[in-house]
């Protein structure tokens, strides 16, 4: 489990271990879905 803090601007840092496992890189777009009290996050697929 990882814990992150939200800044006053609403920004949250995704821990490096999670970014690495998901292959996330600077500039990647993420899609967020609200599911009850959970937030699901997906890397946006590149448009060909």
C-alpha atoms as a PDB file:
ATOM      1  CA  UNK A   1       0.000   0.000   0.000  1.00  0.00           C
ATOM      2  CA  UNK A   2       1.145   3.519  -0.778  1.00  0.00           C
ATOM      3  CA  UNK A   3      -0.040   6.757   0.790  1.00  0.00           C
ATOM      4  CA  UNK A   4       0.113  10.083  -1.026  1.00  0.00           C
ATOM      5  CA  UNK A   5      -0.766  13.591   0.101  1.00  0.00           C
ATOM      6  CA  UNK A   6      -2.740  16.056  -1.968  1.00  0.00           C
ATOM      7  CA  UNK A   7      -1.320  19.572  -2.383  1.00  0.00           C
ATOM      8  CA  UNK A   8      -3.381  22.734  -1.984  1.00  0.00           C
ATOM      9  CA  UNK A   9      -3.594  22.764  -5.812  1.00  0.00           C
ATOM     10  CA  UNK A  10      -5.196  19.297  -5.787  1.00  0.00           C
ATOM     11  CA  UNK A  11      -2.100  17.535  -7.149  1.00  0.00           C
ATOM     12  CA  UNK A  12      -1.127  14.032  -6.020  1.00  0.00           C
ATOM     13  CA  UNK A  13       2.212  12.384  -6.770  1.00  0.00           C
ATOM     14  CA  UNK A  14       1.956   8.794  -7.974  1.00  0.00           C
ATOM     15  CA  UNK A  15       4.717   6.843  -6.216  1.00  0.00           C
ATOM     16  CA  UNK A  16       7.687   5.878  -8.424  1.00  0.00           C
ATOM     17  CA  UNK A  17       7.106   2.140  -7.909  1.00  0.00           C
ATOM     18  CA  UNK A  18       3.552   2.419  -9.268  1.00  0.00           C
ATOM     19  CA  UNK A  19       4.616   4.685 -12.172  1.00  0.00           C
ATOM     20  CA  UNK A  20       7.287   2.158 -13.104  1.00  0.00           C
ATOM     21  CA  UNK A  21       4.974  -0.868 -12.932  1.00  0.00           C
ATOM     22  CA  UNK A  22       2.356   0.904 -15.075  1.00  0.00           C
ATOM     23  CA  UNK A  23       4.894   2.282 -17.524  1.00  0.00           C
ATOM     24  CA  UNK A  24       3.827   5.866 -16.832  1.00  0.00           C
ATOM     25  CA  UNK A  25       6.064   8.633 -18.115  1.00  0.00           C
ATOM     26  CA  UNK A  26       6.045  12.411 -17.885  1.00  0.00           C
ATOM     27  CA  UNK A  27       3.400  13.845 -20.205  1.00  0.00           C
ATOM     28  CA  UNK A  28       1.223  10.701 -20.274  1.00  0.00           C
ATOM     29  CA  UNK A  29      -2.494  11.429 -20.129  1.00  0.00           C
ATOM     30  CA  UNK A  30      -4.550   9.639 -17.489  1.00  0.00           C
ATOM     31  CA  UNK A  31      -8.283   8.936 -17.487  1.00  0.00           C
ATOM     32  CA  UNK A  32      -9.984   9.100 -14.059  1.00  0.00           C
ATOM     33  CA  UNK A  33     -13.302   7.511 -13.101  1.00  0.00           C
ATOM     34  CA  UNK A  34     -15.155   7.983  -9.846  1.00  0.00           C
ATOM     35  CA  UNK A  35     -16.511   4.648  -8.553  1.00  0.00           C
ATOM     36  CA  UNK A  36     -18.349   5.325  -5.305  1.00  0.00           C
ATOM     37  CA  UNK A  37     -15.583   6.415  -2.919  1.00  0.00           C
ATOM     38  CA  UNK A  38     -12.810   5.054  -5.171  1.00  0.00           C
ATOM     39  CA  UNK A  39     -10.990   6.665  -8.053  1.00  0.00           C
ATOM     40  CA  UNK A  40      -9.916   4.424 -10.917  1.00  0.00           C
ATOM     41  CA  UNK A  41      -7.082   5.665 -13.081  1.00  0.00           C
ATOM     42  CA  UNK A  42      -6.072   4.430 -16.516  1.00  0.00           C
ATOM     43  CA  UNK A  43      -3.336   5.467 -18.911  1.00  0.00           C
ATOM     44  CA  UNK A  44      -5.003   6.999 -21.955  1.00  0.00           C
ATOM     45  CA  UNK A  45      -4.365   4.995 -25.085  1.00  0.00           C
ATOM     46  CA  UNK A  46      -2.470   6.849 -27.783  1.00  0.00           C
ATOM     47  CA  UNK A  47      -4.508   7.838 -30.801  1.00  0.00           C
ATOM     48  CA  UNK A  48      -3.144   6.459 -34.063  1.00  0.00           C
END
